[in-house]
Amino acid sequence: MTETASVPAMDAPAAGQDAVARLAALRAAGARQFDPARWHYLEALAARVQAYAGSAGRLLEAKLTHALAAF
């Protein structure tokens, strides 16, 4: 008999809030001035993360996480 462990999924709204908090911390540190165009992209993507739920929201969250890491 094979058992599979249930792994709790990350709560998309909470994950989106985490990214928003990271953006706020970067904003407070003055990160906006280093690359204004990319900064605008990050803020627009964060707004989209908060607007979508389900698989679309998770996909956007992954894009935002990757973009924040590259910033």
PDB file of N, CA and C in Angstrom:
ATOM      1  N   MET A   1       0.842  -1.170   0.000  1.00  0.00           N
ATOM      2  CA  MET A   1       0.000   0.000   0.000  1.00  0.00           C
ATOM      3  C   MET A   1       0.892   1.239   0.000  1.00  0.00           C
ATOM      4  N   THR A   2       0.607   2.154  -0.886  1.00  0.00           N
ATOM      5  CA  THR A   2       1.397   3.373  -1.007  1.00  0.00           C
ATOM      6  C   THR A   2       0.615   4.542  -0.434  1.00  0.00           C
ATOM      7  N   GLU A   3       1.273   5.304   0.425  1.00  0.00           N
ATOM      8  CA  GLU A   3       0.643   6.489   0.987  1.00  0.00           C
ATOM      9  C   GLU A   3       1.312   7.716   0.396  1.00  0.00           C
ATOM     10  N   THR A   4       0.530   8.723   0.149  1.00  0.00           N
ATOM     11  CA  THR A   4       1.089   9.978  -0.329  1.00  0.00           C
ATOM     12  C   THR A   4       0.893  11.032   0.741  1.00  0.00           C
ATOM     13  N   ALA A   5       1.917  11.770   0.973  1.00  0.00           N
ATOM     14  CA  ALA A   5       1.835  12.829   1.974  1.00  0.00           C
ATOM     15  C   ALA A   5       1.203  14.058   1.341  1.00  0.00           C
ATOM     16  N   SER A   6       0.335  14.672   2.072  1.00  0.00           N
ATOM     17  CA  SER A   6      -0.299  15.886   1.597  1.00  0.00           C
ATOM     18  C   SER A   6       0.585  17.073   1.956  1.00  0.00           C
ATOM     19  N   VAL A   7       0.952  17.823   0.945  1.00  0.00           N
ATOM     20  CA  VAL A   7       1.764  19.016   1.163  1.00  0.00           C
ATOM     21  C   VAL A   7       0.842  20.210   1.066  1.00  0.00           C
ATOM     22  N   PRO A   8       0.774  21.024   2.115  1.00  0.00           N
ATOM     23  CA  PRO A   8      -0.126  22.169   2.054  1.00  0.00           C
ATOM     24  C   PRO A   8       0.325  23.156   0.983  1.00  0.00           C
ATOM     25  N   ALA A   9      -0.622  23.611   0.190  1.00  0.00           N
ATOM     26  CA  ALA A   9      -0.315  24.586  -0.855  1.00  0.00           C
ATOM     27  C   ALA A   9      -0.129  25.956  -0.225  1.00  0.00           C
ATOM     28  N   MET A  10       0.729  26.749  -0.845  1.00  0.00           N
ATOM     29  CA  MET A  10       0.949  28.099  -0.356  1.00  0.00           C
ATOM     30  C   MET A  10      -0.304  28.914  -0.645  1.00  0.00           C
ATOM     31  N   ASP A  11      -0.758  29.653   0.315  1.00  0.00           N
ATOM     32  CA  ASP A  11      -1.937  30.486   0.154  1.00  0.00           C
ATOM     33  C   ASP A  11      -1.593  31.624  -0.797  1.00  0.00           C
ATOM     34  N   ALA A  12      -2.216  31.669  -1.957  1.00  0.00           N
ATOM     35  CA  ALA A  12      -1.885  32.667  -2.978  1.00  0.00           C
ATOM     36  C   ALA A  12      -2.043  34.101  -2.470  1.00  0.00           C
ATOM     37  N   PRO A  13      -3.151  34.456  -1.776  1.00  0.00           N
ATOM     38  CA  PRO A  13      -3.238  35.821  -1.273  1.00  0.00           C
ATOM     39  C   PRO A  13      -2.132  36.151  -0.279  1.00  0.00           C
ATOM     40  N   ALA A  14      -1.786  35.207   0.582  1.00  0.00           N
ATOM     41  CA  ALA A  14      -0.715  35.459   1.549  1.00  0.00           C
ATOM     42  C   ALA A  14       0.615  35.608   0.836  1.00  0.00           C
ATOM     43  N   ALA A  15       0.849  34.793  -0.178  1.00  0.00           N
ATOM     44  CA  ALA A  15       2.090  34.891  -0.936  1.00  0.00           C
ATOM     45  C   ALA A  15       2.151  36.226  -1.663  1.00  0.00           C
ATOM     46  N   GLY A  16       1.024  36.654  -2.207  1.00  0.00           N
ATOM     47  CA  GLY A  16       0.974  37.951  -2.867  1.00  0.00           C
ATOM     48  C   GLY A  16       1.258  39.080  -1.895  1.00  0.00           C
ATOM     49  N   GLN A  17       0.751  38.954  -0.679  1.00  0.00           N
ATOM     50  CA  GLN A  17       1.012  39.962   0.343  1.00  0.00           C
ATOM     51  C   GLN A  17       2.486  39.987   0.717  1.00  0.00           C
ATOM     52  N   ASP A  18       3.126  38.814   0.728  1.00  0.00           N
ATOM     53  CA  ASP A  18       4.554  38.746   1.018  1.00  0.00           C
ATOM     54  C   ASP A  18       5.346  39.510  -0.041  1.00  0.00           C
ATOM     55  N   ALA A  19       4.980  39.337  -1.297  1.00  0.00           N
ATOM     56  CA  ALA A  19       5.665  40.043  -2.376  1.00  0.00           C
ATOM     57  C   ALA A  19       5.428  41.548  -2.261  1.00  0.00           C
ATOM     58  N   VAL A  20       4.212  41.933  -1.890  1.00  0.00           N
ATOM     59  CA  VAL A  20       3.909  43.351  -1.704  1.00  0.00           C
ATOM     60  C   VAL A  20       4.751  43.923  -0.568  1.00  0.00           C
ATOM     61  N   ALA A  21       4.921  43.150   0.492  1.00  0.00           N
ATOM     62  CA  ALA A  21       5.757  43.590   1.612  1.00  0.00           C
ATOM     63  C   ALA A  21       7.213  43.738   1.172  1.00  0.00           C
ATOM     64  N   ARG A  22       7.686  42.814   0.335  1.00  0.00           N
ATOM     65  CA  ARG A  22       9.056  42.915  -0.177  1.00  0.00           C
ATOM     66  C   ARG A  22       9.215  44.160  -1.044  1.00  0.00           C
ATOM     67  N   LEU A  23       8.198  44.465  -1.870  1.00  0.00           N
ATOM     68  CA  LEU A  23       8.243  45.677  -2.688  1.00  0.00           C
ATOM     69  C   LEU A  23       8.269  46.923  -1.802  1.00  0.00           C
ATOM     70  N   ALA A  24       7.465  46.921  -0.744  1.00  0.00           N
ATOM     71  CA  ALA A  24       7.436  48.064   0.171  1.00  0.00           C
ATOM     72  C   ALA A  24       8.794  48.263   0.833  1.00  0.00           C
ATOM     73  N   ALA A  25       9.442  47.174   1.207  1.00  0.00           N
ATOM     74  CA  ALA A  25      10.771  47.276   1.820  1.00  0.00           C
ATOM     75  C   ALA A  25      11.784  47.819   0.819  1.00  0.00           C
ATOM     76  N   LEU A  26      11.706  47.353  -0.419  1.00  0.00           N
ATOM     77  CA  LEU A  26      12.609  47.864  -1.456  1.00  0.00           C
ATOM     78  C   LEU A  26      12.340  49.339  -1.736  1.00  0.00           C
ATOM     79  N   ARG A  27      11.059  49.714  -1.746  1.00  0.00           N
ATOM     80  CA  ARG A  27      10.694  51.114  -1.975  1.00  0.00           C
ATOM     81  C   ARG A  27      11.278  51.992  -0.875  1.00  0.00           C
ATOM     82  N   ALA A  28      11.163  51.539   0.372  1.00  0.00           N
ATOM     83  CA  ALA A  28      11.696  52.298   1.504  1.00  0.00           C
ATOM     84  C   ALA A  28      13.212  52.429   1.429  1.00  0.00           C
ATOM     85  N   ALA A  29      13.859  51.442   0.821  1.00  0.00           N
ATOM     86  CA  ALA A  29      15.316  51.475   0.683  1.00  0.00           C
ATOM     87  C   ALA A  29      15.763  52.302  -0.523  1.00  0.00           C
ATOM     88  N   GLY A  30      14.806  52.818  -1.303  1.00  0.00           N
ATOM     89  CA  GLY A  30      15.155  53.649  -2.448  1.00  0.00           C
ATOM     90  C   GLY A  30      15.468  52.876  -3.717  1.00  0.00           C
ATOM     91  N   ALA A  31      15.017  51.643  -3.807  1.00  0.00           N
ATOM     92  CA  ALA A  31      15.337  50.802  -4.967  1.00  0.00           C
ATOM     93  C   ALA A  31      14.719  51.330  -6.255  1.00  0.00           C
ATOM     94  N   ARG A  32      13.655  52.077  -6.150  1.00  0.00           N
ATOM     95  CA  ARG A  32      12.957  52.598  -7.326  1.00  0.00           C
ATOM     96  C   ARG A  32      13.879  53.414  -8.224  1.00  0.00           C
ATOM     97  N   GLN A  33      14.824  54.116  -7.643  1.00  0.00           N
ATOM     98  CA  GLN A  33      15.684  55.018  -8.417  1.00  0.00           C
ATOM     99  C   GLN A  33      16.698  54.291  -9.293  1.00  0.00           C
ATOM    100  N   PHE A  34      16.998  53.037  -9.009  1.00  0.00           N
ATOM    101  CA  PHE A  34      18.038  52.326  -9.751  1.00  0.00           C
ATOM    102  C   PHE A  34      17.586  51.870 -11.128  1.00  0.00           C
ATOM    103  N   ASP A  35      16.330  51.491 -11.260  1.00  0.00           N
ATOM    104  CA  ASP A  35      15.795  51.041 -12.547  1.00  0.00           C
ATOM    105  C   ASP A  35      14.297  51.337 -12.570  1.00  0.00           C
ATOM    106  N   PRO A  36      13.924  52.583 -12.901  1.00  0.00           N
ATOM    107  CA  PRO A  36      12.514  52.973 -12.837  1.00  0.00           C
ATOM    108  C   PRO A  36      11.587  52.136 -13.722  1.00  0.00           C
ATOM    109  N   ALA A  37      12.048  51.746 -14.899  1.00  0.00           N
ATOM    110  CA  ALA A  37      11.198  50.961 -15.797  1.00  0.00           C
ATOM    111  C   ALA A  37      10.922  49.574 -15.216  1.00  0.00           C
ATOM    112  N   ARG A  38      11.949  48.929 -14.716  1.00  0.00           N
ATOM    113  CA  ARG A  38      11.744  47.605 -14.108  1.00  0.00           C
ATOM    114  C   ARG A  38      10.908  47.725 -12.838  1.00  0.00           C
ATOM    115  N   TRP A  39      11.115  48.802 -12.091  1.00  0.00           N
ATOM    116  CA  TRP A  39      10.338  49.017 -10.877  1.00  0.00           C
ATOM    117  C   TRP A  39       8.850  49.115 -11.213  1.00  0.00           C
ATOM    118  N   HIS A  40       8.529  49.841 -12.277  1.00  0.00           N
ATOM    119  CA  HIS A  40       7.134  49.960 -12.700  1.00  0.00           C
ATOM    120  C   HIS A  40       6.572  48.585 -13.060  1.00  0.00           C
ATOM    121  N   TYR A  41       7.361  47.775 -13.750  1.00  0.00           N
ATOM    122  CA  TYR A  41       6.948  46.410 -14.095  1.00  0.00           C
ATOM    123  C   TYR A  41       6.635  45.611 -12.828  1.00  0.00           C
ATOM    124  N   LEU A  42       7.504  45.712 -11.820  1.00  0.00           N
ATOM    125  CA  LEU A  42       7.291  44.978 -10.568  1.00  0.00           C
ATOM    126  C   LEU A  42       5.998  45.412  -9.881  1.00  0.00           C
ATOM    127  N   GLU A  43       5.756  46.713  -9.839  1.00  0.00           N
ATOM    128  CA  GLU A  43       4.542  47.203  -9.189  1.00  0.00           C
ATOM    129  C   GLU A  43       3.290  46.785  -9.958  1.00  0.00           C
ATOM    130  N   ALA A  44       3.352  46.832 -11.288  1.00  0.00           N
ATOM    131  CA  ALA A  44       2.204  46.409 -12.090  1.00  0.00           C
ATOM    132  C   ALA A  44       1.950  44.913 -11.925  1.00  0.00           C
ATOM    133  N   LEU A  45       3.013  44.135 -11.895  1.00  0.00           N
ATOM    134  CA  LEU A  45       2.876  42.692 -11.714  1.00  0.00           C
ATOM    135  C   LEU A  45       2.314  42.372 -10.330  1.00  0.00           C
ATOM    136  N   ALA A  46       2.737  43.107  -9.316  1.00  0.00           N
ATOM    137  CA  ALA A  46       2.214  42.900  -7.961  1.00  0.00           C
ATOM    138  C   ALA A  46       0.717  43.203  -7.910  1.00  0.00           C
ATOM    139  N   ALA A  47       0.289  44.228  -8.623  1.00  0.00           N
ATOM    140  CA  ALA A  47      -1.137  44.547  -8.671  1.00  0.00           C
ATOM    141  C   ALA A  47      -1.920  43.424  -9.348  1.00  0.00           C
ATOM    142  N   ARG A  48      -1.357  42.838 -10.386  1.00  0.00           N
ATOM    143  CA  ARG A  48      -2.018  41.729 -11.075  1.00  0.00           C
ATOM    144  C   ARG A  48      -2.091  40.495 -10.181  1.00  0.00           C
ATOM    145  N   VAL A  49      -1.044  40.253  -9.398  1.00  0.00           N
ATOM    146  CA  VAL A  49      -1.051  39.110  -8.473  1.00  0.00           C
ATOM    147  C   VAL A  49      -2.227  39.234  -7.514  1.00  0.00           C
ATOM    148  N   GLN A  50      -2.455  40.423  -7.012  1.00  0.00           N
ATOM    149  CA  GLN A  50      -3.541  40.624  -6.052  1.00  0.00           C
ATOM    150  C   GLN A  50      -4.914  40.540  -6.710  1.00  0.00           C
ATOM    151  N   ALA A  51      -4.980  40.784  -8.018  1.00  0.00           N
ATOM    152  CA  ALA A  51      -6.262  40.792  -8.714  1.00  0.00           C
ATOM    153  C   ALA A  51      -6.723  39.405  -9.154  1.00  0.00           C
ATOM    154  N   TYR A  52      -5.805  38.454  -9.266  1.00  0.00           N
ATOM    155  CA  TYR A  52      -6.148  37.128  -9.781  1.00  0.00           C
ATOM    156  C   TYR A  52      -6.015  36.064  -8.698  1.00  0.00           C
ATOM    157  N   ALA A  53      -6.850  35.044  -8.812  1.00  0.00           N
ATOM    158  CA  ALA A  53      -6.803  33.912  -7.882  1.00  0.00           C
ATOM    159  C   ALA A  53      -6.601  32.630  -8.682  1.00  0.00           C
ATOM    160  N   GLY A  54      -6.434  31.544  -7.991  1.00  0.00           N
ATOM    161  CA  GLY A  54      -6.303  30.249  -8.644  1.00  0.00           C
ATOM    162  C   GLY A  54      -4.986  30.091  -9.375  1.00  0.00           C
ATOM    163  N   SER A  55      -5.026  29.327 -10.460  1.00  0.00           N
ATOM    164  CA  SER A  55      -3.788  29.022 -11.179  1.00  0.00           C
ATOM    165  C   SER A  55      -3.182  30.266 -11.818  1.00  0.00           C
ATOM    166  N   ALA A  56      -4.017  31.201 -12.266  1.00  0.00           N
ATOM    167  CA  ALA A  56      -3.489  32.434 -12.852  1.00  0.00           C
ATOM    168  C   ALA A  56      -2.728  33.238 -11.795  1.00  0.00           C
ATOM    169  N   GLY A  57      -3.290  33.323 -10.603  1.00  0.00           N
ATOM    170  CA  GLY A  57      -2.629  34.039  -9.517  1.00  0.00           C
ATOM    171  C   GLY A  57      -1.314  33.396  -9.122  1.00  0.00           C
ATOM    172  N   ARG A  58      -1.296  32.058  -9.094  1.00  0.00           N
ATOM    173  CA  ARG A  58      -0.052  31.361  -8.746  1.00  0.00           C
ATOM    174  C   ARG A  58       1.015  31.562  -9.813  1.00  0.00           C
ATOM    175  N   LEU A  59       0.613  31.570 -11.076  1.00  0.00           N
ATOM    176  CA  LEU A  59       1.563  31.809 -12.163  1.00  0.00           C
ATOM    177  C   LEU A  59       2.141  33.221 -12.073  1.00  0.00           C
ATOM    178  N   LEU A  60       1.270  34.191 -11.837  1.00  0.00           N
ATOM    179  CA  LEU A  60       1.735  35.572 -11.701  1.00  0.00           C
ATOM    180  C   LEU A  60       2.637  35.733 -10.474  1.00  0.00           C
ATOM    181  N   GLU A  61       2.293  35.040  -9.385  1.00  0.00           N
ATOM    182  CA  GLU A  61       3.118  35.093  -8.173  1.00  0.00           C
ATOM    183  C   GLU A  61       4.509  34.545  -8.450  1.00  0.00           C
ATOM    184  N   ALA A  62       4.586  33.466  -9.219  1.00  0.00           N
ATOM    185  CA  ALA A  62       5.891  32.894  -9.569  1.00  0.00           C
ATOM    186  C   ALA A  62       6.694  33.873 -10.417  1.00  0.00           C
ATOM    187  N   LYS A  63       6.025  34.541 -11.352  1.00  0.00           N
ATOM    188  CA  LYS A  63       6.711  35.538 -12.184  1.00  0.00           C
ATOM    189  C   LYS A  63       7.221  36.692 -11.324  1.00  0.00           C
ATOM    190  N   LEU A  64       6.394  37.131 -10.366  1.00  0.00           N
ATOM    191  CA  LEU A  64       6.793  38.229  -9.494  1.00  0.00           C
ATOM    192  C   LEU A  64       7.967  37.826  -8.612  1.00  0.00           C
ATOM    193  N   THR A  65       7.917  36.638  -8.064  1.00  0.00           N
ATOM    194  CA  THR A  65       9.013  36.153  -7.224  1.00  0.00           C
ATOM    195  C   THR A  65      10.313  36.104  -8.015  1.00  0.00           C
ATOM    196  N   HIS A  66      10.245  35.608  -9.237  1.00  0.00           N
ATOM    197  CA  HIS A  66      11.430  35.538 -10.103  1.00  0.00           C
ATOM    198  C   HIS A  66      11.932  36.946 -10.443  1.00  0.00           C
ATOM    199  N   ALA A  67      11.012  37.847 -10.769  1.00  0.00           N
ATOM    200  CA  ALA A  67      11.397  39.215 -11.123  1.00  0.00           C
ATOM    201  C   ALA A  67      12.012  39.945  -9.929  1.00  0.00           C
ATOM    202  N   LEU A  68      11.469  39.707  -8.731  1.00  0.00           N
ATOM    203  CA  LEU A  68      12.041  40.324  -7.533  1.00  0.00           C
ATOM    204  C   LEU A  68      13.445  39.798  -7.263  1.00  0.00           C
ATOM    205  N   ALA A  69      13.647  38.516  -7.491  1.00  0.00           N
ATOM    206  CA  ALA A  69      14.979  37.935  -7.281  1.00  0.00           C
ATOM    207  C   ALA A  69      15.979  38.514  -8.270  1.00  0.00           C
ATOM    208  N   ALA A  70      15.538  38.787  -9.488  1.00  0.00           N
ATOM    209  CA  ALA A  70      16.430  39.341 -10.508  1.00  0.00           C
ATOM    210  C   ALA A  70      16.700  40.822 -10.283  1.00  0.00           C
ATOM    211  N   PHE A  71      15.809  41.499  -9.563  1.00  0.00           N
ATOM    212  CA  PHE A  71      15.973  42.932  -9.322  1.00  0.00           C
ATOM    213  C   PHE A  71      17.065  43.159  -8.307  1.00  0.00           C
TER     214      PHE A  71
END
